[in-house]
Structures are given as C-alpha cells and as structure tokens.
Amino acid sequence: MKWLRNYNNYKEAMYIDLELDQIDLKESLNIWHDDLLTSISAEEVNILDVIKLPSDFKNKDIDSISNSVEFINSLSSIGLKKSHIQNSDDFESFINKPCKFMFVFDTNSNELENPEFIIFQSWNETLNKWDDIKLFKVKDDIKKFYDKLTSRTIEIVDGDENYIYSTSNGNDWDLQNIEKFNDNFPKSLRKEELQKLLDNKQVKLNII
C-alpha cells in the first residue's frame, strides 16, 4: 500500500508503507519534471510575449532556437542573454524522463548569478517526440533545481527510530544522522544493500 502524506504537497515528500508490499528502489526515486520546477518556484509565462518571438518559435526544438540569430537578437533587445543548453542525461539523475533546459540571464549578470528565466523542454514518451518549449520565471535559488536534479535524500523509519541517507549517484548512500548507526543501519550502504534493507517489511520510506 502506498500513500502520500499530503496529496497536495506530494512533490515535497512521499511516504511508502512496506508492510504489505515490497518496493523497487529505482522506481520509487523517480523525479518528475514538476518537482524540478517547483523547487525554484517557477512560474510559466508566455515565451512568445516575453521574448517577442513569432508564433512558430514555440514549436521549435530548444537546440534550434538556441542557435537562432532571431532568438538571440530578441533576447538582446530586452536586455537578456542565454546560457548553453543542458541535458538531464548528462547528470546522475533520477528524473523519470529526459529533459533539456537553458537559462536566460540579465545581460549584465554572469552565469554564477541566478537566472531570470529557464527555457524547458521535456520528452513525450507517448508521442515519441519533444514537447513544445516552455518559459518559466525563476523565483528561487537555482541551486535548489540542481540539488533536486542530482541528489536524493531518504528517511527510513524503523519503529520509533529514523535513519536519513543521502546519495549523489544512486549507488552509494551515506547516513546523515551518523550517531544512530548500528549493524542494521551502517554509515554507508551500496544500492543493493539498501534495497535488501527496504525489503524488511517493518520499515517505512520517506522520500524527501
């Protein structure tokens, strides 16, 4: 049986009851695109209106608009500039399907500063093609976006005790509250060891 602690806030945390069923670790750790965008309080805006582009641009691939002189000039005319394109496949990520994204900065800022916007495009498995590009206003620290994309933290609840493990690659998990380590919950675990631990029907998993 699976349930969400709070259905409206399921993007932030999820509880999984293992008493009646076992769980596949990889499947349970999938990140949805909404999770990434919510992490930076992203607000979708109309890319054609904001960047002053013709209507056919919305149907173009993010790679093609990145190299478009018209796109670059439109950005420049409103005091903006683009970053290079990044692909989720280039990260050790638990994201459930590929996506590509490109940041848009103020002309006078550098790429170490927070972007003004993010241009986002995700893969549509049903249609077997990339969805239309979307533009989002970035309202929070972009580091949160990368944190969500590249790492996972879980809480294993065993009776009245909890054990928090973090990973950056999905294979190696390190105990964060190390004062609680014991024979069953060591300071570090390999993915296979963690899966075996989760197969214990008495534990619950909180994906943070």
C-alpha atoms as a PDB file:
ATOM      1  CA  MET A   1       0.000   0.000   0.000  1.00  0.00           C
ATOM      2  CA  LYS A   2       1.282   3.419  -0.886  1.00  0.00           C
ATOM      3  CA  TRP A   3       0.045   6.783   0.293  1.00  0.00           C
ATOM      4  CA  LEU A   4       1.027  10.412   0.210  1.00  0.00           C
ATOM      5  CA  ARG A   5       1.429  12.282   3.485  1.00  0.00           C
ATOM      6  CA  ASN A   6      -0.334  15.236   1.956  1.00  0.00           C
ATOM      7  CA  TYR A   7      -1.689  14.798  -1.541  1.00  0.00           C
ATOM      8  CA  ASN A   8      -1.470  18.487  -2.401  1.00  0.00           C
ATOM      9  CA  ASN A   9       2.167  18.561  -1.356  1.00  0.00           C
ATOM     10  CA  TYR A  10       3.199  15.196  -2.773  1.00  0.00           C
ATOM     11  CA  LYS A  11       6.038  16.817  -4.716  1.00  0.00           C
ATOM     12  CA  GLU A  12       7.876  17.580  -1.492  1.00  0.00           C
ATOM     13  CA  ALA A  13       7.584  14.286   0.364  1.00  0.00           C
ATOM     14  CA  MET A  14       6.141  10.815  -0.061  1.00  0.00           C
ATOM     15  CA  TYR A  15       5.602   8.018   2.413  1.00  0.00           C
ATOM     16  CA  ILE A  16       5.621   4.432   1.291  1.00  0.00           C
ATOM     17  CA  ASP A  17       4.297   1.663   3.520  1.00  0.00           C
ATOM     18  CA  LEU A  18       6.284  -1.501   3.033  1.00  0.00           C
ATOM     19  CA  GLU A  19       4.267  -3.680   5.397  1.00  0.00           C
ATOM     20  CA  LEU A  20       2.135  -5.138   2.614  1.00  0.00           C
ATOM     21  CA  ASP A  21       4.373  -4.802  -0.390  1.00  0.00           C
ATOM     22  CA  GLN A  22       7.988  -4.500  -1.459  1.00  0.00           C
ATOM     23  CA  ILE A  23       9.293  -1.575  -3.404  1.00  0.00           C
ATOM     24  CA  ASP A  24      11.745  -1.121  -6.217  1.00  0.00           C
ATOM     25  CA  LEU A  25      14.243   1.492  -5.091  1.00  0.00           C
ATOM     26  CA  LYS A  26      14.926   2.909  -8.548  1.00  0.00           C
ATOM     27  CA  GLU A  27      11.231   3.237  -9.369  1.00  0.00           C
ATOM     28  CA  SER A  28      10.447   4.928  -6.069  1.00  0.00           C
ATOM     29  CA  LEU A  29      13.113   7.586  -6.529  1.00  0.00           C
ATOM     30  CA  ASN A  30      11.931   8.897  -9.880  1.00  0.00           C
ATOM     31  CA  ILE A  31      11.799  12.690 -10.092  1.00  0.00           C
ATOM     32  CA  TRP A  32       9.026  14.337 -12.074  1.00  0.00           C
ATOM     33  CA  HIS A  33       9.667  17.479 -14.072  1.00  0.00           C
ATOM     34  CA  ASP A  34       7.202  19.365 -11.891  1.00  0.00           C
ATOM     35  CA  ASP A  35       9.463  18.602  -8.907  1.00  0.00           C
ATOM     36  CA  LEU A  36      12.368  20.382 -10.577  1.00  0.00           C
ATOM     37  CA  LEU A  37      10.344  23.445 -11.485  1.00  0.00           C
ATOM     38  CA  THR A  38       8.567  23.639  -8.139  1.00  0.00           C
ATOM     39  CA  SER A  39      11.943  23.635  -6.377  1.00  0.00           C
ATOM     40  CA  ILE A  40      12.631  27.106  -7.831  1.00  0.00           C
ATOM     41  CA  SER A  41       9.019  28.327  -7.570  1.00  0.00           C
ATOM     42  CA  ALA A  42       8.976  28.524 -11.358  1.00  0.00           C
ATOM     43  CA  GLU A  43       6.050  30.391 -12.905  1.00  0.00           C
ATOM     44  CA  GLU A  44       5.209  29.655 -16.532  1.00  0.00           C
ATOM     45  CA  VAL A  45       4.992  32.706 -18.785  1.00  0.00           C
ATOM     46  CA  ASN A  46       4.307  33.067 -22.475  1.00  0.00           C
ATOM     47  CA  ILE A  47       7.646  32.739 -24.267  1.00  0.00           C
ATOM     48  CA  LEU A  48       6.331  34.467 -27.392  1.00  0.00           C
ATOM     49  CA  ASP A  49       5.148  37.513 -25.463  1.00  0.00           C
ATOM     50  CA  VAL A  50       8.120  37.826 -23.119  1.00  0.00           C
ATOM     51  CA  ILE A  51      10.892  37.342 -25.672  1.00  0.00           C
ATOM     52  CA  LYS A  52       8.931  38.899 -28.572  1.00  0.00           C
ATOM     53  CA  LEU A  53       9.095  35.895 -30.881  1.00  0.00           C
ATOM     54  CA  PRO A  54       6.901  34.871 -33.829  1.00  0.00           C
ATOM     55  CA  SER A  55       4.361  32.107 -33.173  1.00  0.00           C
ATOM     56  CA  ASP A  56       6.309  29.382 -34.994  1.00  0.00           C
ATOM     57  CA  PHE A  57       9.105  29.513 -32.399  1.00  0.00           C
ATOM     58  CA  LYS A  58       7.035  27.677 -29.799  1.00  0.00           C
ATOM     59  CA  ASN A  59       7.026  24.550 -31.969  1.00  0.00           C
ATOM     60  CA  LYS A  60      10.792  24.544 -32.423  1.00  0.00           C
ATOM     61  CA  ASP A  61      13.293  22.416 -30.578  1.00  0.00           C
ATOM     62  CA  ILE A  62      15.342  24.108 -27.867  1.00  0.00           C
ATOM     63  CA  ASP A  63      18.515  23.294 -29.824  1.00  0.00           C
ATOM     64  CA  SER A  64      17.310  25.119 -32.893  1.00  0.00           C
ATOM     65  CA  ILE A  65      16.192  28.269 -31.076  1.00  0.00           C
ATOM     66  CA  SER A  66      19.479  28.412 -29.184  1.00  0.00           C
ATOM     67  CA  ASN A  67      21.317  28.814 -32.484  1.00  0.00           C
ATOM     68  CA  SER A  68      18.768  31.190 -33.963  1.00  0.00           C
ATOM     69  CA  VAL A  69      20.035  34.700 -34.667  1.00  0.00           C
ATOM     70  CA  GLU A  70      16.478  35.990 -34.368  1.00  0.00           C
ATOM     71  CA  PHE A  71      16.154  34.451 -30.904  1.00  0.00           C
ATOM     72  CA  ILE A  72      19.489  35.841 -29.720  1.00  0.00           C
ATOM     73  CA  ASN A  73      18.657  39.293 -31.083  1.00  0.00           C
ATOM     74  CA  SER A  74      15.222  39.234 -29.429  1.00  0.00           C
ATOM     75  CA  LEU A  75      16.832  38.441 -26.088  1.00  0.00           C
ATOM     76  CA  SER A  76      19.390  41.189 -26.536  1.00  0.00           C
ATOM     77  CA  SER A  77      16.702  43.749 -27.400  1.00  0.00           C
ATOM     78  CA  ILE A  78      15.120  43.286 -23.952  1.00  0.00           C
ATOM     79  CA  GLY A  79      18.388  43.098 -22.028  1.00  0.00           C
ATOM     80  CA  LEU A  80      18.699  39.335 -21.766  1.00  0.00           C
ATOM     81  CA  LYS A  81      21.167  36.652 -22.816  1.00  0.00           C
ATOM     82  CA  LYS A  82      21.080  32.856 -22.926  1.00  0.00           C
ATOM     83  CA  SER A  83      23.228  30.129 -21.414  1.00  0.00           C
ATOM     84  CA  HIS A  84      24.295  26.922 -23.106  1.00  0.00           C
ATOM     85  CA  ILE A  85      21.807  24.033 -23.228  1.00  0.00           C
ATOM     86  CA  GLN A  86      21.945  21.350 -20.563  1.00  0.00           C
ATOM     87  CA  ASN A  87      20.526  17.849 -20.816  1.00  0.00           C
ATOM     88  CA  SER A  88      19.313  15.731 -17.905  1.00  0.00           C
ATOM     89  CA  ASP A  89      21.116  12.757 -19.445  1.00  0.00           C
ATOM     90  CA  ASP A  90      24.393  14.478 -18.595  1.00  0.00           C
ATOM     91  CA  PHE A  91      23.634  14.225 -14.869  1.00  0.00           C
ATOM     92  CA  GLU A  92      23.490  11.312 -12.462  1.00  0.00           C
ATOM     93  CA  SER A  93      19.795  11.891 -12.086  1.00  0.00           C
ATOM     94  CA  PHE A  94      16.666  10.055 -11.002  1.00  0.00           C
ATOM     95  CA  ILE A  95      14.499  12.086 -13.345  1.00  0.00           C
ATOM     96  CA  ASN A  96      11.806   9.898 -14.871  1.00  0.00           C
ATOM     97  CA  LYS A  97      12.239  11.049 -18.487  1.00  0.00           C
ATOM     98  CA  PRO A  98      14.741  13.214 -20.372  1.00  0.00           C
ATOM     99  CA  CYS A  99      14.563  16.976 -20.431  1.00  0.00           C
ATOM    100  CA  LYS A 100      16.649  19.836 -21.799  1.00  0.00           C
ATOM    101  CA  PHE A 101      16.892  23.297 -20.353  1.00  0.00           C
ATOM    102  CA  MET A 102      18.569  26.635 -20.945  1.00  0.00           C
ATOM    103  CA  PHE A 103      18.817  29.599 -18.602  1.00  0.00           C
ATOM    104  CA  VAL A 104      18.156  33.215 -19.536  1.00  0.00           C
ATOM    105  CA  PHE A 105      20.122  35.890 -17.671  1.00  0.00           C
ATOM    106  CA  ASP A 106      20.152  39.639 -17.441  1.00  0.00           C
ATOM    107  CA  THR A 107      22.729  40.938 -19.902  1.00  0.00           C
ATOM    108  CA  ASN A 108      24.820  42.441 -17.106  1.00  0.00           C
ATOM    109  CA  SER A 109      24.900  39.311 -14.936  1.00  0.00           C
ATOM    110  CA  ASN A 110      27.199  36.313 -15.124  1.00  0.00           C
ATOM    111  CA  GLU A 111      26.203  32.652 -15.128  1.00  0.00           C
ATOM    112  CA  LEU A 112      27.114  32.287 -11.458  1.00  0.00           C
ATOM    113  CA  GLU A 113      24.175  34.513 -10.612  1.00  0.00           C
ATOM    114  CA  ASN A 114      20.555  33.441 -10.525  1.00  0.00           C
ATOM    115  CA  PRO A 115      18.864  33.412 -13.957  1.00  0.00           C
ATOM    116  CA  GLU A 116      15.774  35.419 -14.765  1.00  0.00           C
ATOM    117  CA  PHE A 117      14.123  32.583 -16.685  1.00  0.00           C
ATOM    118  CA  ILE A 118      14.528  28.937 -17.611  1.00  0.00           C
ATOM    119  CA  ILE A 119      13.539  27.542 -21.008  1.00  0.00           C
ATOM    120  CA  PHE A 120      12.451  23.944 -20.513  1.00  0.00           C
ATOM    121  CA  GLN A 121      11.640  21.101 -22.882  1.00  0.00           C
ATOM    122  CA  SER A 122      10.721  17.530 -21.925  1.00  0.00           C
ATOM    123  CA  TRP A 123      10.491  14.290 -23.852  1.00  0.00           C
ATOM    124  CA  ASN A 124       6.998  12.971 -24.551  1.00  0.00           C
ATOM    125  CA  GLU A 125       7.163   9.185 -24.456  1.00  0.00           C
ATOM    126  CA  THR A 126       3.613   8.765 -25.719  1.00  0.00           C
ATOM    127  CA  LEU A 127       4.167  10.843 -28.857  1.00  0.00           C
ATOM    128  CA  ASN A 128       7.842   9.871 -29.109  1.00  0.00           C
ATOM    129  CA  LYS A 129       8.931  13.462 -29.581  1.00  0.00           C
ATOM    130  CA  TRP A 130       9.931  16.556 -27.634  1.00  0.00           C
ATOM    131  CA  ASP A 131       7.107  18.629 -26.181  1.00  0.00           C
ATOM    132  CA  ASP A 132       6.845  22.327 -27.007  1.00  0.00           C
ATOM    133  CA  ILE A 133       9.367  24.543 -25.289  1.00  0.00           C
ATOM    134  CA  LYS A 134       8.164  26.444 -22.226  1.00  0.00           C
ATOM    135  CA  LEU A 135       9.460  29.543 -20.498  1.00  0.00           C
ATOM    136  CA  PHE A 136       9.384  29.863 -16.707  1.00  0.00           C
ATOM    137  CA  LYS A 137      10.180  32.795 -14.456  1.00  0.00           C
ATOM    138  CA  VAL A 138      12.734  31.655 -11.851  1.00  0.00           C
ATOM    139  CA  LYS A 139      11.655  32.821  -8.381  1.00  0.00           C
ATOM    140  CA  ASP A 140      14.045  30.917  -6.118  1.00  0.00           C
ATOM    141  CA  ASP A 141      17.697  29.885  -5.876  1.00  0.00           C
ATOM    142  CA  ILE A 142      18.658  27.849  -8.948  1.00  0.00           C
ATOM    143  CA  LYS A 143      20.884  25.712  -6.706  1.00  0.00           C
ATOM    144  CA  LYS A 144      17.687  24.066  -5.485  1.00  0.00           C
ATOM    145  CA  PHE A 145      16.986  22.984  -9.059  1.00  0.00           C
ATOM    146  CA  TYR A 146      20.364  21.260  -9.321  1.00  0.00           C
ATOM    147  CA  ASP A 147      20.024  19.777  -5.848  1.00  0.00           C
ATOM    148  CA  LYS A 148      16.727  18.215  -6.863  1.00  0.00           C
ATOM    149  CA  LEU A 149      18.126  17.042 -10.193  1.00  0.00           C
ATOM    150  CA  THR A 150      21.330  15.459  -8.931  1.00  0.00           C
ATOM    151  CA  SER A 151      20.689  14.081  -5.466  1.00  0.00           C
ATOM    152  CA  ARG A 152      18.178  12.294  -3.256  1.00  0.00           C
ATOM    153  CA  THR A 153      17.677  12.072   0.468  1.00  0.00           C
ATOM    154  CA  ILE A 154      15.530   9.407   2.070  1.00  0.00           C
ATOM    155  CA  GLU A 155      14.376   8.733   5.596  1.00  0.00           C
ATOM    156  CA  ILE A 156      13.947   5.123   6.687  1.00  0.00           C
ATOM    157  CA  VAL A 157      11.569   4.807   9.624  1.00  0.00           C
ATOM    158  CA  ASP A 158      12.055   1.696  11.751  1.00  0.00           C
ATOM    159  CA  GLY A 159       9.661   1.743  14.674  1.00  0.00           C
ATOM    160  CA  ASP A 160      10.385   4.910  16.664  1.00  0.00           C
ATOM    161  CA  GLU A 161      13.773   5.487  15.025  1.00  0.00           C
ATOM    162  CA  ASN A 162      14.614   7.218  11.770  1.00  0.00           C
ATOM    163  CA  TYR A 163      17.716   6.967   9.589  1.00  0.00           C
ATOM    164  CA  ILE A 164      18.457   9.567   6.944  1.00  0.00           C
ATOM    165  CA  TYR A 165      20.535   8.561   3.921  1.00  0.00           C
ATOM    166  CA  SER A 166      21.699  10.735   1.032  1.00  0.00           C
ATOM    167  CA  THR A 167      23.167   9.903  -2.345  1.00  0.00           C
ATOM    168  CA  SER A 168      24.634  11.820  -5.264  1.00  0.00           C
ATOM    169  CA  ASN A 169      24.868   8.935  -7.721  1.00  0.00           C
ATOM    170  CA  GLY A 170      22.156   6.447  -6.757  1.00  0.00           C
ATOM    171  CA  ASN A 171      24.641   3.726  -5.930  1.00  0.00           C
ATOM    172  CA  ASP A 172      26.300   4.899  -2.720  1.00  0.00           C
ATOM    173  CA  TRP A 173      24.185   6.019   0.235  1.00  0.00           C
ATOM    174  CA  ASP A 174      25.607   7.778   3.303  1.00  0.00           C
ATOM    175  CA  LEU A 175      23.928   8.007   6.699  1.00  0.00           C
ATOM    176  CA  GLN A 176      23.423  11.647   7.690  1.00  0.00           C
ATOM    177  CA  ASN A 177      22.454  11.194  11.331  1.00  0.00           C
ATOM    178  CA  ILE A 178      25.546   9.041  11.925  1.00  0.00           C
ATOM    179  CA  GLU A 179      25.094   8.987  15.694  1.00  0.00           C
ATOM    180  CA  LYS A 180      22.369   6.400  15.056  1.00  0.00           C
ATOM    181  CA  PHE A 181      24.414   3.928  13.040  1.00  0.00           C
ATOM    182  CA  ASN A 182      24.238   0.257  14.033  1.00  0.00           C
ATOM    183  CA  ASP A 183      24.573  -3.191  12.489  1.00  0.00           C
ATOM    184  CA  ASN A 184      21.306  -2.863  10.588  1.00  0.00           C
ATOM    185  CA  PHE A 185      21.802   0.772   9.561  1.00  0.00           C
ATOM    186  CA  PRO A 186      25.515   1.321   8.849  1.00  0.00           C
ATOM    187  CA  LYS A 187      27.223   4.596   7.963  1.00  0.00           C
ATOM    188  CA  SER A 188      27.216   3.718   4.269  1.00  0.00           C
ATOM    189  CA  LEU A 189      25.292   1.363   2.016  1.00  0.00           C
ATOM    190  CA  ARG A 190      25.519   0.213  -1.555  1.00  0.00           C
ATOM    191  CA  LYS A 191      22.319   0.315  -3.611  1.00  0.00           C
ATOM    192  CA  GLU A 192      21.921  -3.462  -3.368  1.00  0.00           C
ATOM    193  CA  GLU A 193      22.323  -3.341   0.396  1.00  0.00           C
ATOM    194  CA  LEU A 194      19.781  -0.554   0.680  1.00  0.00           C
ATOM    195  CA  GLN A 195      17.303  -2.482  -1.454  1.00  0.00           C
ATOM    196  CA  LYS A 196      17.739  -5.509   0.804  1.00  0.00           C
ATOM    197  CA  LEU A 197      17.156  -3.297   3.836  1.00  0.00           C
ATOM    198  CA  LEU A 198      13.972  -1.867   2.323  1.00  0.00           C
ATOM    199  CA  ASP A 199      12.682  -5.381   1.748  1.00  0.00           C
ATOM    200  CA  ASN A 200      12.318  -5.598   5.521  1.00  0.00           C
ATOM    201  CA  LYS A 201       8.525  -5.415   5.885  1.00  0.00           C
ATOM    202  CA  GLN A 202       8.740  -3.425   9.125  1.00  0.00           C
ATOM    203  CA  VAL A 203      10.350  -0.271   7.731  1.00  0.00           C
ATOM    204  CA  LYS A 204       8.799   2.747   6.040  1.00  0.00           C
ATOM    205  CA  LEU A 205      10.435   5.002   3.491  1.00  0.00           C
ATOM    206  CA  ASN A 206      10.089   8.773   3.358  1.00  0.00           C
ATOM    207  CA  ILE A 207      11.433  10.224   0.122  1.00  0.00           C
ATOM    208  CA  ILE A 208      12.410  13.836   0.778  1.00  0.00           C
END
